[in-house]
Amino acid sequence: MLWINIVVHIPKSARYTLGARIENKFLTLLELGYVAYFTEKEKKVEKILNCILVLDTLKFLIHIAWEAKFISNQQYSDVSIKLDESGKMLGGWKRNLEINVEKKNRDR
């Protein structure tokens, strides 16, 4: 995981506060994604929205770490690219489910 290689270089004063908070958000996102995958179809969109909220919070916290110069421009760029890809995948998943629900409702 990319963040684990970055967090060890964050100053100790921020590593156990902001760094740990970011690490916990990554773990929360993984957990929510897992739960969303195995949730019944009717409740998936709600779970995916939770994932998107955590992802947006994660982006915000990483931006704060970058602004505070706890992480380099390159590290920020690398993490941001991966988070943007994840956001596109979650958004696509959500749209696909919404389209399927819409089609199902029209067929009735």
PDB file of N, CA and C in Angstrom:
ATOM      1  N   MET A   1       0.855  -1.185   0.000  1.00  0.00           N
ATOM      2  CA  MET A   1       0.000   0.000   0.000  1.00  0.00           C
ATOM      3  C   MET A   1       0.889   1.232   0.000  1.00  0.00           C
ATOM      4  N   LEU A   2       0.567   2.142  -0.858  1.00  0.00           N
ATOM      5  CA  LEU A   2       1.371   3.341  -1.073  1.00  0.00           C
ATOM      6  C   LEU A   2       1.530   4.176   0.198  1.00  0.00           C
ATOM      7  N   TRP A   3       0.455   4.345   0.931  1.00  0.00           N
ATOM      8  CA  TRP A   3       0.496   5.217   2.109  1.00  0.00           C
ATOM      9  C   TRP A   3       1.447   4.695   3.183  1.00  0.00           C
ATOM     10  N   ILE A   4       1.541   3.398   3.346  1.00  0.00           N
ATOM     11  CA  ILE A   4       2.411   2.816   4.376  1.00  0.00           C
ATOM     12  C   ILE A   4       3.865   3.194   4.123  1.00  0.00           C
ATOM     13  N   ASN A   5       4.251   3.296   2.858  1.00  0.00           N
ATOM     14  CA  ASN A   5       5.620   3.707   2.524  1.00  0.00           C
ATOM     15  C   ASN A   5       5.840   5.203   2.730  1.00  0.00           C
ATOM     16  N   ILE A   6       4.770   5.960   2.733  1.00  0.00           N
ATOM     17  CA  ILE A   6       4.879   7.413   2.914  1.00  0.00           C
ATOM     18  C   ILE A   6       4.858   7.795   4.387  1.00  0.00           C
ATOM     19  N   VAL A   7       3.987   7.169   5.157  1.00  0.00           N
ATOM     20  CA  VAL A   7       3.760   7.584   6.545  1.00  0.00           C
ATOM     21  C   VAL A   7       5.025   7.481   7.407  1.00  0.00           C
ATOM     22  N   VAL A   8       5.924   6.577   7.099  1.00  0.00           N
ATOM     23  CA  VAL A   8       7.145   6.438   7.903  1.00  0.00           C
ATOM     24  C   VAL A   8       8.067   7.638   7.751  1.00  0.00           C
ATOM     25  N   HIS A   9       7.869   8.449   6.701  1.00  0.00           N
ATOM     26  CA  HIS A   9       8.703   9.629   6.477  1.00  0.00           C
ATOM     27  C   HIS A   9       8.071  10.917   7.003  1.00  0.00           C
ATOM     28  N   ILE A  10       6.867  10.815   7.519  1.00  0.00           N
ATOM     29  CA  ILE A  10       6.205  11.983   8.101  1.00  0.00           C
ATOM     30  C   ILE A  10       6.834  12.249   9.468  1.00  0.00           C
ATOM     31  N   PRO A  11       7.053  13.510   9.824  1.00  0.00           N
ATOM     32  CA  PRO A  11       7.615  13.817  11.141  1.00  0.00           C
ATOM     33  C   PRO A  11       6.771  13.197  12.265  1.00  0.00           C
ATOM     34  N   LYS A  12       7.443  12.744  13.311  1.00  0.00           N
ATOM     35  CA  LYS A  12       6.737  12.056  14.401  1.00  0.00           C
ATOM     36  C   LYS A  12       5.607  12.880  14.995  1.00  0.00           C
ATOM     37  N   SER A  13       5.771  14.189  15.009  1.00  0.00           N
ATOM     38  CA  SER A  13       4.726  15.043  15.579  1.00  0.00           C
ATOM     39  C   SER A  13       3.406  14.899  14.827  1.00  0.00           C
ATOM     40  N   ALA A  14       3.463  14.566  13.537  1.00  0.00           N
ATOM     41  CA  ALA A  14       2.244  14.420  12.738  1.00  0.00           C
ATOM     42  C   ALA A  14       1.947  12.966  12.405  1.00  0.00           C
ATOM     43  N   ARG A  15       2.943  12.104  12.521  1.00  0.00           N
ATOM     44  CA  ARG A  15       2.754  10.703  12.140  1.00  0.00           C
ATOM     45  C   ARG A  15       1.693  10.020  12.987  1.00  0.00           C
ATOM     46  N   TYR A  16       1.651  10.323  14.251  1.00  0.00           N
ATOM     47  CA  TYR A  16       0.722   9.646  15.159  1.00  0.00           C
ATOM     48  C   TYR A  16      -0.594  10.398  15.337  1.00  0.00           C
ATOM     49  N   THR A  17      -0.736  11.506  14.632  1.00  0.00           N
ATOM     50  CA  THR A  17      -2.008  12.232  14.655  1.00  0.00           C
ATOM     51  C   THR A  17      -2.615  12.189  13.251  1.00  0.00           C
ATOM     52  N   LEU A  18      -2.176  13.101  12.395  1.00  0.00           N
ATOM     53  CA  LEU A  18      -2.718  13.174  11.041  1.00  0.00           C
ATOM     54  C   LEU A  18      -2.382  11.913  10.238  1.00  0.00           C
ATOM     55  N   GLY A  19      -1.158  11.447  10.342  1.00  0.00           N
ATOM     56  CA  GLY A  19      -0.754  10.238   9.617  1.00  0.00           C
ATOM     57  C   GLY A  19      -1.583   9.030  10.016  1.00  0.00           C
ATOM     58  N   ALA A  20      -1.800   8.861  11.317  1.00  0.00           N
ATOM     59  CA  ALA A  20      -2.608   7.738  11.801  1.00  0.00           C
ATOM     60  C   ALA A  20      -4.067   7.898  11.393  1.00  0.00           C
ATOM     61  N   ARG A  21      -4.544   9.118  11.389  1.00  0.00           N
ATOM     62  CA  ARG A  21      -5.934   9.376  10.983  1.00  0.00           C
ATOM     63  C   ARG A  21      -6.137   8.998   9.507  1.00  0.00           C
ATOM     64  N   ILE A  22      -5.167   9.364   8.679  1.00  0.00           N
ATOM     65  CA  ILE A  22      -5.232   9.021   7.255  1.00  0.00           C
ATOM     66  C   ILE A  22      -5.173   7.502   7.083  1.00  0.00           C
ATOM     67  N   GLU A  23      -4.272   6.869   7.811  1.00  0.00           N
ATOM     68  CA  GLU A  23      -4.155   5.408   7.743  1.00  0.00           C
ATOM     69  C   GLU A  23      -5.464   4.731   8.142  1.00  0.00           C
ATOM     70  N   ASN A  24      -6.103   5.232   9.191  1.00  0.00           N
ATOM     71  CA  ASN A  24      -7.392   4.679   9.623  1.00  0.00           C
ATOM     72  C   ASN A  24      -8.479   4.884   8.569  1.00  0.00           C
ATOM     73  N   LYS A  25      -8.450   6.026   7.879  1.00  0.00           N
ATOM     74  CA  LYS A  25      -9.431   6.273   6.817  1.00  0.00           C
ATOM     75  C   LYS A  25      -9.226   5.286   5.664  1.00  0.00           C
ATOM     76  N   PHE A  26      -7.971   4.994   5.331  1.00  0.00           N
ATOM     77  CA  PHE A  26      -7.708   3.995   4.295  1.00  0.00           C
ATOM     78  C   PHE A  26      -8.291   2.646   4.698  1.00  0.00           C
ATOM     79  N   LEU A  27      -8.072   2.263   5.942  1.00  0.00           N
ATOM     80  CA  LEU A  27      -8.599   0.984   6.418  1.00  0.00           C
ATOM     81  C   LEU A  27     -10.127   0.978   6.438  1.00  0.00           C
ATOM     82  N   THR A  28     -10.713   2.101   6.842  1.00  0.00           N
ATOM     83  CA  THR A  28     -12.170   2.222   6.838  1.00  0.00           C
ATOM     84  C   THR A  28     -12.713   2.093   5.421  1.00  0.00           C
ATOM     85  N   LEU A  29     -12.032   2.728   4.471  1.00  0.00           N
ATOM     86  CA  LEU A  29     -12.457   2.643   3.079  1.00  0.00           C
ATOM     87  C   LEU A  29     -12.391   1.206   2.562  1.00  0.00           C
ATOM     88  N   LEU A  30     -11.323   0.503   2.893  1.00  0.00           N
ATOM     89  CA  LEU A  30     -11.207  -0.909   2.499  1.00  0.00           C
ATOM     90  C   LEU A  30     -12.344  -1.736   3.091  1.00  0.00           C
ATOM     91  N   GLU A  31     -12.614  -1.507   4.362  1.00  0.00           N
ATOM     92  CA  GLU A  31     -13.676  -2.248   5.047  1.00  0.00           C
ATOM     93  C   GLU A  31     -15.041  -1.946   4.438  1.00  0.00           C
ATOM     94  N   LEU A  32     -15.330  -0.673   4.198  1.00  0.00           N
ATOM     95  CA  LEU A  32     -16.620  -0.295   3.623  1.00  0.00           C
ATOM     96  C   LEU A  32     -16.780  -0.833   2.201  1.00  0.00           C
ATOM     97  N   GLY A  33     -15.703  -0.837   1.438  1.00  0.00           N
ATOM     98  CA  GLY A  33     -15.757  -1.392   0.093  1.00  0.00           C
ATOM     99  C   GLY A  33     -16.067  -2.877   0.114  1.00  0.00           C
ATOM    100  N   TYR A  34     -15.466  -3.567   1.057  1.00  0.00           N
ATOM    101  CA  TYR A  34     -15.715  -5.005   1.220  1.00  0.00           C
ATOM    102  C   TYR A  34     -17.175  -5.244   1.600  1.00  0.00           C
ATOM    103  N   VAL A  35     -17.659  -4.470   2.547  1.00  0.00           N
ATOM    104  CA  VAL A  35     -19.053  -4.608   2.985  1.00  0.00           C
ATOM    105  C   VAL A  35     -19.997  -4.283   1.826  1.00  0.00           C
ATOM    106  N   ALA A  36     -19.700  -3.218   1.072  1.00  0.00           N
ATOM    107  CA  ALA A  36     -20.562  -2.839  -0.059  1.00  0.00           C
ATOM    108  C   ALA A  36     -20.622  -3.949  -1.098  1.00  0.00           C
ATOM    109  N   TYR A  37     -19.505  -4.588  -1.351  1.00  0.00           N
ATOM    110  CA  TYR A  37     -19.457  -5.652  -2.351  1.00  0.00           C
ATOM    111  C   TYR A  37     -20.405  -6.801  -1.996  1.00  0.00           C
ATOM    112  N   PHE A  38     -20.491  -7.121  -0.714  1.00  0.00           N
ATOM    113  CA  PHE A  38     -21.290  -8.254  -0.285  1.00  0.00           C
ATOM    114  C   PHE A  38     -22.683  -7.873   0.225  1.00  0.00           C
ATOM    115  N   THR A  39     -23.040  -6.606   0.137  1.00  0.00           N
ATOM    116  CA  THR A  39     -24.357  -6.151   0.562  1.00  0.00           C
ATOM    117  C   THR A  39     -25.387  -6.469  -0.518  1.00  0.00           C
ATOM    118  N   GLU A  40     -26.614  -6.716  -0.094  1.00  0.00           N
ATOM    119  CA  GLU A  40     -27.673  -6.996  -1.061  1.00  0.00           C
ATOM    120  C   GLU A  40     -27.892  -5.781  -1.964  1.00  0.00           C
ATOM    121  N   LYS A  41     -28.338  -6.034  -3.184  1.00  0.00           N
ATOM    122  CA  LYS A  41     -28.427  -5.005  -4.221  1.00  0.00           C
ATOM    123  C   LYS A  41     -29.199  -3.764  -3.800  1.00  0.00           C
ATOM    124  N   GLU A  42     -30.274  -3.952  -3.055  1.00  0.00           N
ATOM    125  CA  GLU A  42     -31.117  -2.812  -2.683  1.00  0.00           C
ATOM    126  C   GLU A  42     -30.393  -1.820  -1.771  1.00  0.00           C
ATOM    127  N   LYS A  43     -29.379  -2.281  -1.064  1.00  0.00           N
ATOM    128  CA  LYS A  43     -28.681  -1.412  -0.111  1.00  0.00           C
ATOM    129  C   LYS A  43     -27.271  -1.036  -0.557  1.00  0.00           C
ATOM    130  N   LYS A  44     -26.849  -1.510  -1.729  1.00  0.00           N
ATOM    131  CA  LYS A  44     -25.489  -1.253  -2.202  1.00  0.00           C
ATOM    132  C   LYS A  44     -25.195   0.225  -2.415  1.00  0.00           C
ATOM    133  N   VAL A  45     -26.138   0.946  -3.021  1.00  0.00           N
ATOM    134  CA  VAL A  45     -25.893   2.362  -3.322  1.00  0.00           C
ATOM    135  C   VAL A  45     -25.591   3.131  -2.038  1.00  0.00           C
ATOM    136  N   GLU A  46     -26.322   2.845  -0.984  1.00  0.00           N
ATOM    137  CA  GLU A  46     -26.089   3.511   0.310  1.00  0.00           C
ATOM    138  C   GLU A  46     -24.673   3.225   0.813  1.00  0.00           C
ATOM    139  N   LYS A  47     -24.241   1.992   0.699  1.00  0.00           N
ATOM    140  CA  LYS A  47     -22.893   1.606   1.152  1.00  0.00           C
ATOM    141  C   LYS A  47     -21.824   2.274   0.299  1.00  0.00           C
ATOM    142  N   ILE A  48     -22.087   2.363  -1.002  1.00  0.00           N
ATOM    143  CA  ILE A  48     -21.121   3.003  -1.895  1.00  0.00           C
ATOM    144  C   ILE A  48     -21.037   4.495  -1.596  1.00  0.00           C
ATOM    145  N   LEU A  49     -22.165   5.115  -1.280  1.00  0.00           N
ATOM    146  CA  LEU A  49     -22.148   6.528  -0.890  1.00  0.00           C
ATOM    147  C   LEU A  49     -21.300   6.742   0.364  1.00  0.00           C
ATOM    148  N   ASN A  50     -21.347   5.790   1.298  1.00  0.00           N
ATOM    149  CA  ASN A  50     -20.489   5.854   2.487  1.00  0.00           C
ATOM    150  C   ASN A  50     -19.015   5.779   2.086  1.00  0.00           C
ATOM    151  N   CYS A  51     -18.703   4.901   1.136  1.00  0.00           N
ATOM    152  CA  CYS A  51     -17.331   4.785   0.636  1.00  0.00           C
ATOM    153  C   CYS A  51     -16.872   6.103   0.018  1.00  0.00           C
ATOM    154  N   ILE A  52     -17.738   6.711  -0.776  1.00  0.00           N
ATOM    155  CA  ILE A  52     -17.398   7.973  -1.437  1.00  0.00           C
ATOM    156  C   ILE A  52     -17.155   9.074  -0.407  1.00  0.00           C
ATOM    157  N   LEU A  53     -17.961   9.104   0.639  1.00  0.00           N
ATOM    158  CA  LEU A  53     -17.771  10.093   1.701  1.00  0.00           C
ATOM    159  C   LEU A  53     -16.415   9.907   2.391  1.00  0.00           C
ATOM    160  N   VAL A  54     -16.061   8.677   2.708  1.00  0.00           N
ATOM    161  CA  VAL A  54     -14.774   8.403   3.355  1.00  0.00           C
ATOM    162  C   VAL A  54     -13.631   8.756   2.399  1.00  0.00           C
ATOM    163  N   LEU A  55     -13.789   8.439   1.121  1.00  0.00           N
ATOM    164  CA  LEU A  55     -12.764   8.765   0.130  1.00  0.00           C
ATOM    165  C   LEU A  55     -12.554  10.276   0.044  1.00  0.00           C
ATOM    166  N   ASP A  56     -13.641  11.033   0.020  1.00  0.00           N
ATOM    167  CA  ASP A  56     -13.526  12.492  -0.024  1.00  0.00           C
ATOM    168  C   ASP A  56     -12.846  13.035   1.233  1.00  0.00           C
ATOM    169  N   THR A  57     -13.156  12.473   2.375  1.00  0.00           N
ATOM    170  CA  THR A  57     -12.502  12.873   3.630  1.00  0.00           C
ATOM    171  C   THR A  57     -11.011  12.552   3.569  1.00  0.00           C
ATOM    172  N   LEU A  58     -10.689  11.408   3.025  1.00  0.00           N
ATOM    173  CA  LEU A  58      -9.300  10.988   2.871  1.00  0.00           C
ATOM    174  C   LEU A  58      -8.534  11.956   1.969  1.00  0.00           C
ATOM    175  N   LYS A  59      -9.143  12.341   0.864  1.00  0.00           N
ATOM    176  CA  LYS A  59      -8.517  13.314  -0.038  1.00  0.00           C
ATOM    177  C   LYS A  59      -8.247  14.628   0.696  1.00  0.00           C
ATOM    178  N   PHE A  60      -9.217  15.044   1.498  1.00  0.00           N
ATOM    179  CA  PHE A  60      -9.067  16.286   2.262  1.00  0.00           C
ATOM    180  C   PHE A  60      -7.901  16.187   3.244  1.00  0.00           C
ATOM    181  N   LEU A  61      -7.831  15.092   3.985  1.00  0.00           N
ATOM    182  CA  LEU A  61      -6.766  14.929   4.986  1.00  0.00           C
ATOM    183  C   LEU A  61      -5.387  14.854   4.332  1.00  0.00           C
ATOM    184  N   ILE A  62      -5.307  14.202   3.192  1.00  0.00           N
ATOM    185  CA  ILE A  62      -4.022  14.122   2.490  1.00  0.00           C
ATOM    186  C   ILE A  62      -3.632  15.494   1.951  1.00  0.00           C
ATOM    187  N   HIS A  63      -4.613  16.258   1.519  1.00  0.00           N
ATOM    188  CA  HIS A  63      -4.339  17.623   1.078  1.00  0.00           C
ATOM    189  C   HIS A  63      -3.792  18.462   2.240  1.00  0.00           C
ATOM    190  N   ILE A  64      -4.351  18.274   3.404  1.00  0.00           N
ATOM    191  CA  ILE A  64      -3.856  18.980   4.601  1.00  0.00           C
ATOM    192  C   ILE A  64      -2.402  18.582   4.888  1.00  0.00           C
ATOM    193  N   ALA A  65      -2.101  17.280   4.786  1.00  0.00           N
ATOM    194  CA  ALA A  65      -0.731  16.804   5.016  1.00  0.00           C
ATOM    195  C   ALA A  65       0.233  17.424   4.008  1.00  0.00           C
ATOM    196  N   TRP A  66      -0.212  17.565   2.773  1.00  0.00           N
ATOM    197  CA  TRP A  66       0.628  18.165   1.738  1.00  0.00           C
ATOM    198  C   TRP A  66       0.825  19.668   2.004  1.00  0.00           C
ATOM    199  N   GLU A  67      -0.258  20.359   2.357  1.00  0.00           N
ATOM    200  CA  GLU A  67      -0.150  21.791   2.638  1.00  0.00           C
ATOM    201  C   GLU A  67       0.775  22.062   3.826  1.00  0.00           C
ATOM    202  N   ALA A  68       0.749  21.152   4.802  1.00  0.00           N
ATOM    203  CA  ALA A  68       1.613  21.303   5.979  1.00  0.00           C
ATOM    204  C   ALA A  68       3.042  20.848   5.691  1.00  0.00           C
ATOM    205  N   LYS A  69       3.274  20.386   4.461  1.00  0.00           N
ATOM    206  CA  LYS A  69       4.587  19.921   4.012  1.00  0.00           C
ATOM    207  C   LYS A  69       5.067  18.674   4.755  1.00  0.00           C
ATOM    208  N   PHE A  70       4.100  17.864   5.192  1.00  0.00           N
ATOM    209  CA  PHE A  70       4.435  16.572   5.798  1.00  0.00           C
ATOM    210  C   PHE A  70       4.732  15.532   4.728  1.00  0.00           C
ATOM    211  N   ILE A  71       4.173  15.739   3.527  1.00  0.00           N
ATOM    212  CA  ILE A  71       4.456  14.854   2.396  1.00  0.00           C
ATOM    213  C   ILE A  71       4.912  15.707   1.213  1.00  0.00           C
ATOM    214  N   SER A  72       5.725  15.119   0.359  1.00  0.00           N
ATOM    215  CA  SER A  72       6.283  15.851  -0.778  1.00  0.00           C
ATOM    216  C   SER A  72       5.250  16.005  -1.891  1.00  0.00           C
ATOM    217  N   ASN A  73       5.580  16.852  -2.846  1.00  0.00           N
ATOM    218  CA  ASN A  73       4.710  17.044  -4.003  1.00  0.00           C
ATOM    219  C   ASN A  73       4.521  15.727  -4.755  1.00  0.00           C
ATOM    220  N   GLN A  74       5.602  14.973  -4.909  1.00  0.00           N
ATOM    221  CA  GLN A  74       5.524  13.702  -5.633  1.00  0.00           C
ATOM    222  C   GLN A  74       4.654  12.693  -4.884  1.00  0.00           C
ATOM    223  N   GLN A  75       4.824  12.616  -3.581  1.00  0.00           N
ATOM    224  CA  GLN A  75       3.997  11.701  -2.783  1.00  0.00           C
ATOM    225  C   GLN A  75       2.530  12.093  -2.869  1.00  0.00           C
ATOM    226  N   TYR A  76       2.267  13.386  -2.788  1.00  0.00           N
ATOM    227  CA  TYR A  76       0.894  13.885  -2.888  1.00  0.00           C
ATOM    228  C   TYR A  76       0.298  13.540  -4.255  1.00  0.00           C
ATOM    229  N   SER A  77       1.088  13.748  -5.280  1.00  0.00           N
ATOM    230  CA  SER A  77       0.639  13.440  -6.631  1.00  0.00           C
ATOM    231  C   SER A  77       0.346  11.952  -6.796  1.00  0.00           C
ATOM    232  N   ASP A  78       1.251  11.100  -6.317  1.00  0.00           N
ATOM    233  CA  ASP A  78       1.071   9.649  -6.432  1.00  0.00           C
ATOM    234  C   ASP A  78      -0.205   9.189  -5.727  1.00  0.00           C
ATOM    235  N   VAL A  79      -0.408   9.665  -4.503  1.00  0.00           N
ATOM    236  CA  VAL A  79      -1.592   9.267  -3.733  1.00  0.00           C
ATOM    237  C   VAL A  79      -2.850   9.843  -4.366  1.00  0.00           C
ATOM    238  N   SER A  80      -2.796  11.087  -4.807  1.00  0.00           N
ATOM    239  CA  SER A  80      -3.972  11.729  -5.413  1.00  0.00           C
ATOM    240  C   SER A  80      -4.429  10.998  -6.666  1.00  0.00           C
ATOM    241  N   ILE A  81      -3.487  10.560  -7.480  1.00  0.00           N
ATOM    242  CA  ILE A  81      -3.840   9.821  -8.698  1.00  0.00           C
ATOM    243  C   ILE A  81      -4.589   8.549  -8.341  1.00  0.00           C
ATOM    244  N   LYS A  82      -4.082   7.821  -7.357  1.00  0.00           N
ATOM    245  CA  LYS A  82      -4.731   6.568  -6.946  1.00  0.00           C
ATOM    246  C   LYS A  82      -6.113   6.831  -6.348  1.00  0.00           C
ATOM    247  N   LEU A  83      -6.235   7.879  -5.556  1.00  0.00           N
ATOM    248  CA  LEU A  83      -7.529   8.199  -4.960  1.00  0.00           C
ATOM    249  C   LEU A  83      -8.535   8.646  -6.018  1.00  0.00           C
ATOM    250  N   ASP A  84      -8.065   9.398  -7.015  1.00  0.00           N
ATOM    251  CA  ASP A  84      -8.955   9.812  -8.101  1.00  0.00           C
ATOM    252  C   ASP A  84      -9.447   8.596  -8.889  1.00  0.00           C
ATOM    253  N   GLU A  85      -8.549   7.639  -9.135  1.00  0.00           N
ATOM    254  CA  GLU A  85      -8.947   6.405  -9.823  1.00  0.00           C
ATOM    255  C   GLU A  85     -10.004   5.659  -9.006  1.00  0.00           C
ATOM    256  N   SER A  86      -9.781   5.596  -7.704  1.00  0.00           N
ATOM    257  CA  SER A  86     -10.742   4.920  -6.824  1.00  0.00           C
ATOM    258  C   SER A  86     -12.086   5.633  -6.850  1.00  0.00           C
ATOM    259  N   GLY A  87     -12.056   6.958  -6.852  1.00  0.00           N
ATOM    260  CA  GLY A  87     -13.290   7.735  -6.912  1.00  0.00           C
ATOM    261  C   GLY A  87     -14.062   7.481  -8.198  1.00  0.00           C
ATOM    262  N   LYS A  88     -13.350   7.387  -9.311  1.00  0.00           N
ATOM    263  CA  LYS A  88     -14.006   7.099 -10.591  1.00  0.00           C
ATOM    264  C   LYS A  88     -14.630   5.709 -10.570  1.00  0.00           C
ATOM    265  N   MET A  89     -13.931   4.761  -9.980  1.00  0.00           N
ATOM    266  CA  MET A  89     -14.463   3.401  -9.909  1.00  0.00           C
ATOM    267  C   MET A  89     -15.703   3.348  -9.022  1.00  0.00           C
ATOM    268  N   LEU A  90     -15.657   4.017  -7.876  1.00  0.00           N
ATOM    269  CA  LEU A  90     -16.834   4.046  -6.995  1.00  0.00           C
ATOM    270  C   LEU A  90     -18.002   4.763  -7.658  1.00  0.00           C
ATOM    271  N   GLY A  91     -17.707   5.872  -8.322  1.00  0.00           N
ATOM    272  CA  GLY A  91     -18.758   6.605  -9.024  1.00  0.00           C
ATOM    273  C   GLY A  91     -19.383   5.772 -10.133  1.00  0.00           C
ATOM    274  N   GLY A  92     -18.565   5.047 -10.865  1.00  0.00           N
ATOM    275  CA  GLY A  92     -19.067   4.176 -11.919  1.00  0.00           C
ATOM    276  C   GLY A  92     -19.912   3.050 -11.363  1.00  0.00           C
ATOM    277  N   TRP A  93     -19.478   2.481 -10.260  1.00  0.00           N
ATOM    278  CA  TRP A  93     -20.222   1.409  -9.599  1.00  0.00           C
ATOM    279  C   TRP A  93     -21.604   1.915  -9.185  1.00  0.00           C
ATOM    280  N   LYS A  94     -21.602   3.110  -8.586  1.00  0.00           N
ATOM    281  CA  LYS A  94     -22.855   3.718  -8.124  1.00  0.00           C
ATOM    282  C   LYS A  94     -23.781   3.999  -9.299  1.00  0.00           C
ATOM    283  N   ARG A  95     -23.263   4.613 -10.366  1.00  0.00           N
ATOM    284  CA  ARG A  95     -24.076   4.921 -11.540  1.00  0.00           C
ATOM    285  C   ARG A  95     -24.654   3.651 -12.167  1.00  0.00           C
ATOM    286  N   ASN A  96     -23.843   2.617 -12.252  1.00  0.00           N
ATOM    287  CA  ASN A  96     -24.298   1.349 -12.819  1.00  0.00           C
ATOM    288  C   ASN A  96     -25.461   0.773 -12.012  1.00  0.00           C
ATOM    289  N   LEU A  97     -25.343   0.824 -10.705  1.00  0.00           N
ATOM    290  CA  LEU A  97     -26.435   0.323  -9.855  1.00  0.00           C
ATOM    291  C   LEU A  97     -27.689   1.170 -10.006  1.00  0.00           C
ATOM    292  N   GLU A  98     -27.517   2.474 -10.082  1.00  0.00           N
ATOM    293  CA  GLU A  98     -28.670   3.363 -10.234  1.00  0.00           C
ATOM    294  C   GLU A  98     -29.354   3.151 -11.579  1.00  0.00           C
ATOM    295  N   ILE A  99     -28.581   2.928 -12.631  1.00  0.00           N
ATOM    296  CA  ILE A  99     -29.155   2.663 -13.953  1.00  0.00           C
ATOM    297  C   ILE A  99     -29.942   1.358 -13.930  1.00  0.00           C
ATOM    298  N   ASN A 100     -29.378   0.342 -13.273  1.00  0.00           N
ATOM    299  CA  ASN A 100     -30.072  -0.943 -13.181  1.00  0.00           C
ATOM    300  C   ASN A 100     -31.382  -0.828 -12.405  1.00  0.00           C
ATOM    301  N   VAL A 101     -31.383  -0.045 -11.341  1.00  0.00           N
ATOM    302  CA  VAL A 101     -32.597   0.166 -10.551  1.00  0.00           C
ATOM    303  C   VAL A 101     -33.624   0.918 -11.395  1.00  0.00           C
ATOM    304  N   GLU A 102     -33.152   1.917 -12.145  1.00  0.00           N
ATOM    305  CA  GLU A 102     -34.038   2.702 -13.002  1.00  0.00           C
ATOM    306  C   GLU A 102     -34.674   1.813 -14.076  1.00  0.00           C
ATOM    307  N   LYS A 103     -33.882   0.960 -14.698  1.00  0.00           N
ATOM    308  CA  LYS A 103     -34.400   0.032 -15.709  1.00  0.00           C
ATOM    309  C   LYS A 103     -35.418  -0.920 -15.113  1.00  0.00           C
ATOM    310  N   LYS A 104     -35.104  -1.406 -13.919  1.00  0.00           N
ATOM    311  CA  LYS A 104     -36.005  -2.346 -13.242  1.00  0.00           C
ATOM    312  C   LYS A 104     -37.345  -1.684 -12.963  1.00  0.00           C
ATOM    313  N   ASN A 105     -37.316  -0.420 -12.538  1.00  0.00           N
ATOM    314  CA  ASN A 105     -38.548   0.311 -12.225  1.00  0.00           C
ATOM    315  C   ASN A 105     -39.360   0.591 -13.488  1.00  0.00           C
ATOM    316  N   ARG A 106     -38.688   0.833 -14.615  1.00  0.00           N
ATOM    317  CA  ARG A 106     -39.396   1.086 -15.877  1.00  0.00           C
ATOM    318  C   ARG A 106     -40.060  -0.187 -16.397  1.00  0.00           C
ATOM    319  N   ASP A 107     -39.441  -1.312 -16.172  1.00  0.00           N
ATOM    320  CA  ASP A 107     -39.970  -2.591 -16.655  1.00  0.00           C
ATOM    321  C   ASP A 107     -41.217  -3.048 -15.910  1.00  0.00           C
ATOM    322  N   ARG A 108     -41.469  -2.473 -14.788  1.00  0.00           N
ATOM    323  CA  ARG A 108     -42.624  -2.896 -13.971  1.00  0.00           C
ATOM    324  C   ARG A 108     -43.900  -2.413 -14.509  1.00  0.00           C
TER     325      ARG A 108
END
